[in-house]
C-alpha atoms as a PDB file:
ATOM      1  CA  MET A   1       3.343  35.583 -17.755  1.00  0.00           C
ATOM      2  CA  PHE A   2       0.265  34.352 -18.871  1.00  0.00           C
ATOM      3  CA  GLY A   3       0.475  30.552 -19.870  1.00  0.00           C
ATOM      4  CA  ARG A   4       3.921  30.361 -18.475  1.00  0.00           C
ATOM      5  CA  LYS A   5       4.360  26.561 -16.271  1.00  0.00           C
ATOM      6  CA  ARG A   6       5.229  27.475 -12.586  1.00  0.00           C
ATOM      7  CA  GLU A   7       8.801  26.630 -12.250  1.00  0.00           C
ATOM      8  CA  ASN A   8      10.841  25.070  -9.211  1.00  0.00           C
ATOM      9  CA  ILE A   9       7.587  23.362  -8.069  1.00  0.00           C
ATOM     10  CA  GLY A  10       8.471  20.398  -5.492  1.00  0.00           C
ATOM     11  CA  PHE A  11       9.685  19.794  -2.249  1.00  0.00           C
ATOM     12  CA  GLN A  12      13.059  21.808  -2.351  1.00  0.00           C
ATOM     13  CA  GLY A  13      14.745  24.405   0.288  1.00  0.00           C
ATOM     14  CA  LYS A  14      12.914  23.071   3.474  1.00  0.00           C
ATOM     15  CA  THR A  15      12.930  19.778   5.410  1.00  0.00           C
ATOM     16  CA  ILE A  16       9.902  20.321   7.665  1.00  0.00           C
ATOM     17  CA  TYR A  17       6.219  20.715   6.100  1.00  0.00           C
ATOM     18  CA  THR A  18       2.944  21.303   7.336  1.00  0.00           C
ATOM     19  CA  ILE A  19       0.073  19.089   5.957  1.00  0.00           C
ATOM     20  CA  ASP A  20      -1.286  21.656   4.191  1.00  0.00           C
ATOM     21  CA  GLU A  21       2.294  22.693   2.373  1.00  0.00           C
ATOM     22  CA  TYR A  22       2.820  18.960   1.733  1.00  0.00           C
ATOM     23  CA  LEU A  23      -0.875  18.590   0.339  1.00  0.00           C
ATOM     24  CA  GLU A  24      -0.332  21.670  -1.863  1.00  0.00           C
ATOM     25  CA  ILE A  25       2.629  20.758  -3.332  1.00  0.00           C
ATOM     26  CA  GLU A  26       2.383  17.045  -4.001  1.00  0.00           C
ATOM     27  CA  ALA A  27      -1.002  17.756  -6.246  1.00  0.00           C
ATOM     28  CA  GLN A  28       1.082  19.580  -8.600  1.00  0.00           C
ATOM     29  CA  LEU A  29       3.708  16.762  -9.074  1.00  0.00           C
ATOM     30  CA  ALA A  30       3.524  14.006 -11.207  1.00  0.00           C
ATOM     31  CA  GLU A  31       5.643  11.508  -8.741  1.00  0.00           C
ATOM     32  CA  SER A  32       3.878  10.524  -5.402  1.00  0.00           C
ATOM     33  CA  TYR A  33       5.381  11.686  -2.077  1.00  0.00           C
ATOM     34  CA  GLU A  34       4.404  10.728   1.541  1.00  0.00           C
ATOM     35  CA  PHE A  35       4.240  12.743   4.576  1.00  0.00           C
ATOM     36  CA  HIS A  36       5.921  11.558   7.860  1.00  0.00           C
ATOM     37  CA  ASN A  37       5.291  13.637  10.805  1.00  0.00           C
ATOM     38  CA  GLU A  38       6.047  17.048   9.093  1.00  0.00           C
ATOM     39  CA  ARG A  39       8.797  15.204   6.917  1.00  0.00           C
ATOM     40  CA  VAL A  40       8.278  14.501   3.169  1.00  0.00           C
ATOM     41  CA  GLY A  41       9.600  11.257   1.098  1.00  0.00           C
ATOM     42  CA  LYS A  42       9.580  10.266  -2.282  1.00  0.00           C
ATOM     43  CA  LEU A  43       7.653   7.034  -2.878  1.00  0.00           C
ATOM     44  CA  ASN A  44       9.911   4.557  -4.401  1.00  0.00           C
ATOM     45  CA  ASP A  45       7.457   2.021  -5.563  1.00  0.00           C
ATOM     46  CA  PRO A  46       9.634   0.163  -8.551  1.00  0.00           C
ATOM     47  CA  GLU A  47       7.496   0.436 -12.078  1.00  0.00           C
ATOM     48  CA  PHE A  48       7.920  -3.353 -12.298  1.00  0.00           C
ATOM     49  CA  PHE A  49       5.533  -3.858  -9.511  1.00  0.00           C
ATOM     50  CA  ILE A  50       2.582  -1.997 -11.355  1.00  0.00           C
ATOM     51  CA  GLU A  51       1.614  -5.139 -13.704  1.00  0.00           C
ATOM     52  CA  SER A  52       1.497  -7.230 -10.366  1.00  0.00           C
ATOM     53  CA  ILE A  53      -0.517  -4.754  -8.872  1.00  0.00           C
ATOM     54  CA  LEU A  54      -2.829  -4.146 -11.511  1.00  0.00           C
ATOM     55  CA  LYS A  55      -3.635  -8.230 -11.953  1.00  0.00           C
ATOM     56  CA  PHE A  56      -4.031  -8.260  -7.685  1.00  0.00           C
ATOM     57  CA  HIS A  57      -6.407  -5.360  -8.243  1.00  0.00           C
ATOM     58  CA  LYS A  58      -8.563  -7.131 -10.554  1.00  0.00           C
ATOM     59  CA  THR A  59      -8.642 -10.295  -8.838  1.00  0.00           C
ATOM     60  CA  LEU A  60      -9.959  -8.853  -5.603  1.00  0.00           C
ATOM     61  CA  SER A  61     -12.324  -6.475  -7.671  1.00  0.00           C
ATOM     62  CA  ASP A  62     -14.230  -9.414  -9.435  1.00  0.00           C
ATOM     63  CA  LYS A  63     -14.121 -11.242  -5.950  1.00  0.00           C
ATOM     64  CA  PHE A  64     -15.888  -7.896  -4.603  1.00  0.00           C
ATOM     65  CA  ALA A  65     -18.506  -7.540  -6.868  1.00  0.00           C
ATOM     66  CA  GLY A  66     -22.182  -7.155  -5.460  1.00  0.00           C
ATOM     67  CA  SER A  67     -20.388  -7.094  -2.052  1.00  0.00           C
ATOM     68  CA  ASN A  68     -19.771  -4.443   1.016  1.00  0.00           C
ATOM     69  CA  PHE A  69     -16.433  -4.441   0.093  1.00  0.00           C
ATOM     70  CA  GLN A  70     -14.064  -2.200  -2.144  1.00  0.00           C
ATOM     71  CA  VAL A  71     -10.270  -2.289  -3.237  1.00  0.00           C
ATOM     72  CA  PHE A  72      -7.971   0.500  -4.567  1.00  0.00           C
ATOM     73  CA  SER A  73      -4.919   0.655  -6.039  1.00  0.00           C
ATOM     74  CA  ASN A  74      -2.980   4.203  -6.937  1.00  0.00           C
ATOM     75  CA  PHE A  75      -1.698   3.065 -10.382  1.00  0.00           C
ATOM     76  CA  LEU A  76      -5.408   2.545 -11.611  1.00  0.00           C
ATOM     77  CA  SER A  77      -7.487   5.424 -10.124  1.00  0.00           C
ATOM     78  CA  LYS A  78      -7.152   8.958  -8.902  1.00  0.00           C
ATOM     79  CA  LYS A  79      -4.166   8.605  -6.167  1.00  0.00           C
ATOM     80  CA  LYS A  80      -5.822   8.232  -2.683  1.00  0.00           C
ATOM     81  CA  LYS A  81      -3.623   8.014   0.472  1.00  0.00           C
ATOM     82  CA  ILE A  82      -4.395   7.006   4.340  1.00  0.00           C
ATOM     83  CA  TRP A  83      -4.133   8.854   7.047  1.00  0.00           C
ATOM     84  CA  ILE A  84      -2.731   7.531  10.339  1.00  0.00           C
ATOM     85  CA  GLU A  85      -3.329   9.959  12.627  1.00  0.00           C
ATOM     86  CA  ALA A  86      -1.034   8.333  15.493  1.00  0.00           C
ATOM     87  CA  GLU A  87       2.061   8.550  13.195  1.00  0.00           C
ATOM     88  CA  ASN A  88       0.879  12.163  11.853  1.00  0.00           C
ATOM     89  CA  SER A  89       1.289  10.171   8.504  1.00  0.00           C
ATOM     90  CA  LEU A  90       0.204  10.160   4.992  1.00  0.00           C
ATOM     91  CA  MET A  91       1.052   6.844   3.077  1.00  0.00           C
ATOM     92  CA  TYR A  92      -0.039   5.145  -0.527  1.00  0.00           C
ATOM     93  CA  PRO A  93      -0.419   1.672   0.161  1.00  0.00           C
ATOM     94  CA  SER A  94       0.033  -0.635  -2.909  1.00  0.00           C
ATOM     95  CA  LEU A  95      -3.601  -1.827  -2.580  1.00  0.00           C
ATOM     96  CA  PHE A  96      -6.021  -1.432   0.194  1.00  0.00           C
ATOM     97  CA  VAL A  97      -9.522  -2.664   1.057  1.00  0.00           C
ATOM     98  CA  ILE A  98     -12.378  -0.292   2.426  1.00  0.00           C
ATOM     99  CA  SER A  99     -15.497  -2.189   3.966  1.00  0.00           C
ATOM    100  CA  GLY A 100     -18.821  -0.182   3.997  1.00  0.00           C
ATOM    101  CA  GLU A 101     -18.462   3.683   3.882  1.00  0.00           C
ATOM    102  CA  LEU A 102     -15.545   5.317   2.997  1.00  0.00           C
ATOM    103  CA  ASN A 103     -14.429   7.473   6.015  1.00  0.00           C
ATOM    104  CA  TYR A 104     -12.273  10.917   5.017  1.00  0.00           C
ATOM    105  CA  TYR A 105      -9.594  13.033   6.191  1.00  0.00           C
ATOM    106  CA  PRO A 106     -11.560  16.396   6.862  1.00  0.00           C
ATOM    107  CA  GLY A 107     -11.997  18.395   3.927  1.00  0.00           C
ATOM    108  CA  ARG A 108     -10.772  15.892   1.537  1.00  0.00           C
ATOM    109  CA  GLU A 109     -11.871  13.285  -0.514  1.00  0.00           C
ATOM    110  CA  ASP A 110      -8.410  11.649  -1.620  1.00  0.00           C
ATOM    111  CA  ILE A 111      -7.171  10.758   2.079  1.00  0.00           C
ATOM    112  CA  ILE A 112      -8.902   7.612   3.466  1.00  0.00           C
ATOM    113  CA  VAL A 113      -8.992   7.111   7.392  1.00  0.00           C
ATOM    114  CA  ASN A 114     -10.688   3.616   7.706  1.00  0.00           C
ATOM    115  CA  PRO A 115      -8.699   0.560   5.828  1.00  0.00           C
ATOM    116  CA  LEU A 116      -9.764  -2.650   6.750  1.00  0.00           C
ATOM    117  CA  LEU A 117      -7.010  -4.604   4.723  1.00  0.00           C
ATOM    118  CA  ILE A 118      -3.817  -3.253   3.161  1.00  0.00           C
ATOM    119  CA  ILE A 119      -1.383  -4.926   0.671  1.00  0.00           C
ATOM    120  CA  GLU A 120       2.066  -4.099  -0.190  1.00  0.00           C
ATOM    121  CA  VAL A 121       3.459  -5.891  -3.233  1.00  0.00           C
ATOM    122  CA  SER A 122       7.352  -6.322  -3.069  1.00  0.00           C
ATOM    123  CA  THR A 123       9.821  -8.884  -5.365  1.00  0.00           C
ATOM    124  CA  ILE A 124      12.713 -10.699  -3.629  1.00  0.00           C
ATOM    125  CA  TYR A 125      15.528 -12.072  -5.664  1.00  0.00           C
ATOM    126  CA  SER A 126      19.322 -12.762  -5.194  1.00  0.00           C
ATOM    127  CA  MET A 127      20.310 -12.262  -8.830  1.00  0.00           C
ATOM    128  CA  GLY A 128      22.042  -9.001  -7.932  1.00  0.00           C
ATOM    129  CA  SER A 129      20.245  -6.706 -10.492  1.00  0.00           C
ATOM    130  CA  MET A 130      19.277  -3.079 -10.136  1.00  0.00           C
ATOM    131  CA  ASN A 131      15.701  -4.310  -9.827  1.00  0.00           C
ATOM    132  CA  SER A 132      16.320  -7.138  -7.390  1.00  0.00           C
ATOM    133  CA  LYS A 133      18.247  -4.697  -4.934  1.00  0.00           C
ATOM    134  CA  ARG A 134      15.222  -2.370  -5.697  1.00  0.00           C
ATOM    135  CA  GLY A 135      12.528  -4.806  -4.672  1.00  0.00           C
ATOM    136  CA  ASP A 136      14.921  -5.914  -1.774  1.00  0.00           C
ATOM    137  CA  GLN A 137      14.735  -2.735  -0.308  1.00  0.00           C
ATOM    138  CA  LYS A 138      11.008  -2.510  -0.883  1.00  0.00           C
ATOM    139  CA  TYR A 139      10.317  -5.757   0.779  1.00  0.00           C
ATOM    140  CA  LEU A 140      12.220  -4.994   4.199  1.00  0.00           C
ATOM    141  CA  SER A 141      10.594  -1.251   4.242  1.00  0.00           C
ATOM    142  CA  ASP A 142       7.243  -3.141   3.920  1.00  0.00           C
ATOM    143  CA  ARG A 143       7.604  -5.983   6.539  1.00  0.00           C
ATOM    144  CA  SER A 144       9.281  -3.240   9.173  1.00  0.00           C
ATOM    145  CA  SER A 145       8.243   0.662   9.264  1.00  0.00           C
ATOM    146  CA  ARG A 146       5.625   0.407   7.366  1.00  0.00           C
ATOM    147  CA  PHE A 147       3.965  -2.398   9.113  1.00  0.00           C
ATOM    148  CA  TRP A 148       4.772  -0.711  12.211  1.00  0.00           C
ATOM    149  CA  ALA A 149       3.079   2.577  11.077  1.00  0.00           C
ATOM    150  CA  TYR A 150      -0.061   0.712   9.798  1.00  0.00           C
ATOM    151  CA  GLN A 151      -0.228  -1.014  13.035  1.00  0.00           C
ATOM    152  CA  LYS A 152      -1.584   2.172  14.360  1.00  0.00           C
ATOM    153  CA  ILE A 153      -4.758   2.531  12.005  1.00  0.00           C
ATOM    154  CA  PRO A 154      -7.622   1.564  14.486  1.00  0.00           C
ATOM    155  CA  SER A 155      -9.509   0.094  11.752  1.00  0.00           C
ATOM    156  CA  LEU A 156      -7.033  -1.961  10.156  1.00  0.00           C
ATOM    157  CA  ARG A 157      -7.305  -5.636  10.690  1.00  0.00           C
ATOM    158  CA  GLU A 158      -5.016  -7.352   8.368  1.00  0.00           C
ATOM    159  CA  TYR A 159      -1.735  -6.483   6.744  1.00  0.00           C
ATOM    160  CA  ALA A 160      -0.543  -8.615   3.364  1.00  0.00           C
ATOM    161  CA  LEU A 161       2.752  -8.584   1.446  1.00  0.00           C
ATOM    162  CA  ILE A 162       2.551 -10.068  -1.624  1.00  0.00           C
ATOM    163  CA  THR A 163       6.599 -11.327  -2.957  1.00  0.00           C
ATOM    164  CA  ASP A 164       8.244 -13.200  -5.470  1.00  0.00           C
ATOM    165  CA  ILE A 165      11.354 -15.207  -4.790  1.00  0.00           C
ATOM    166  CA  GLY A 166      10.553 -17.527  -7.728  1.00  0.00           C
ATOM    167  CA  SER A 167       7.541 -18.370  -6.669  1.00  0.00           C
ATOM    168  CA  THR A 168       4.478 -16.279  -5.333  1.00  0.00           C
ATOM    169  CA  VAL A 169       4.188 -16.044  -1.623  1.00  0.00           C
ATOM    170  CA  ILE A 170       1.640 -14.424   0.404  1.00  0.00           C
ATOM    171  CA  GLU A 171       2.168 -13.212   3.949  1.00  0.00           C
ATOM    172  CA  THR A 172      -0.215 -12.203   6.029  1.00  0.00           C
ATOM    173  CA  TYR A 173      -0.493 -10.284   9.366  1.00  0.00           C
ATOM    174  CA  ASN A 174      -4.147 -10.736  11.210  1.00  0.00           C
ATOM    175  CA  LYS A 175      -4.906  -8.284  14.306  1.00  0.00           C
ATOM    176  CA  LEU A 176      -5.947 -10.605  17.351  1.00  0.00           C
ATOM    177  CA  ASP A 177      -6.246  -8.023  19.973  1.00  0.00           C
ATOM    178  CA  GLY A 178      -4.773  -4.393  20.231  1.00  0.00           C
ATOM    179  CA  LYS A 179      -1.018  -5.650  20.517  1.00  0.00           C
ATOM    180  CA  SER A 180      -1.005  -8.982  18.829  1.00  0.00           C
ATOM    181  CA  TRP A 181      -1.138 -10.188  14.921  1.00  0.00           C
ATOM    182  CA  LYS A 182      -1.143 -13.763  13.474  1.00  0.00           C
ATOM    183  CA  TYR A 183       1.212 -14.318  11.016  1.00  0.00           C
ATOM    184  CA  GLN A 184       0.366 -16.703   8.260  1.00  0.00           C
ATOM    185  CA  VAL A 185       2.644 -17.358   4.941  1.00  0.00           C
ATOM    186  CA  PHE A 186       1.174 -19.172   2.118  1.00  0.00           C
ATOM    187  CA  SER A 187       2.715 -20.190  -1.214  1.00  0.00           C
ATOM    188  CA  ASN A 188       2.113 -22.266  -4.302  1.00  0.00           C
ATOM    189  CA  THR A 189       5.540 -24.554  -4.010  1.00  0.00           C
ATOM    190  CA  LEU A 190       7.998 -23.562  -1.437  1.00  0.00           C
ATOM    191  CA  PHE A 191       5.619 -24.181   2.086  1.00  0.00           C
ATOM    192  CA  GLY A 192       2.367 -23.410   3.945  1.00  0.00           C
ATOM    193  CA  SER A 193      -0.973 -23.443   2.123  1.00  0.00           C
ATOM    194  CA  ASN A 194      -1.451 -22.769  -1.437  1.00  0.00           C
ATOM    195  CA  LEU A 195      -4.965 -21.433  -0.490  1.00  0.00           C
ATOM    196  CA  VAL A 196      -4.577 -18.186   0.810  1.00  0.00           C
ATOM    197  CA  ASN A 197      -7.061 -16.771   3.468  1.00  0.00           C
ATOM    198  CA  PHE A 198      -7.990 -13.120   3.803  1.00  0.00           C
ATOM    199  CA  GLU A 199      -9.564 -13.049   7.088  1.00  0.00           C
ATOM    200  CA  SER A 200     -10.756  -9.697   7.078  1.00  0.00           C
ATOM    201  CA  ILE A 201     -12.624  -9.914   4.055  1.00  0.00           C
ATOM    202  CA  ASN A 202     -13.530 -13.740   4.536  1.00  0.00           C
ATOM    203  CA  ILE A 203     -12.153 -14.603   1.010  1.00  0.00           C
ATOM    204  CA  GLU A 204     -10.057 -17.755   0.357  1.00  0.00           C
ATOM    205  CA  LEU A 205      -8.026 -17.694  -3.173  1.00  0.00           C
ATOM    206  CA  PRO A 206      -5.493 -19.733  -4.600  1.00  0.00           C
ATOM    207  CA  VAL A 207      -2.255 -18.582  -4.787  1.00  0.00           C
ATOM    208  CA  THR A 208      -1.721 -18.823  -8.563  1.00  0.00           C
ATOM    209  CA  ASP A 209      -4.594 -16.082  -8.721  1.00  0.00           C
ATOM    210  CA  PHE A 210      -2.042 -13.834  -8.207  1.00  0.00           C
ATOM    211  CA  TYR A 211       0.181 -14.748 -10.766  1.00  0.00           C
ATOM    212  CA  ILE A 212       1.156 -12.693 -13.978  1.00  0.00           C
END
């Protein structure tokens, strides 16, 4: 019937998808899904991260005023994915930064191929709450499987994890050569420096700038 909503739209009844099938279906859904080498998984960014992500977006956007950098967050504007050709994957980082011109996946303006800096936001607690468990799971994924995938993006020069373990802790990984990454940690109270140095974008910020 004319005007009737389509039913059963979603990733149902199949386990393998082409990129075109994934893009067509995901565009009709309110939720975000990622594509990992023919398989699709729901993006489980807990809602309690959103306020932090928006704060970090504003902090960086203010610093980028008049510069060659742009920062993107899928919670603030139209969703943009990252294409990882070596992994045959399309992923949604919490935030990412582009230097200069945006390079797109062929035929798309919502898929970016040249991130310079990727930032993931996680929360770690030991209180045993449901939010804590979800935050812990995201942090473990961000630090392992997601980082391993992101390392295969040719343009990527830095990866950062912003976590909360009672105080803000920011971990950065800077690319040194084809295989090596330099690890640094910054915190306002626990250890390391309280002035975060994002080397890829040549910006230093106090850790407190990332508090809500």
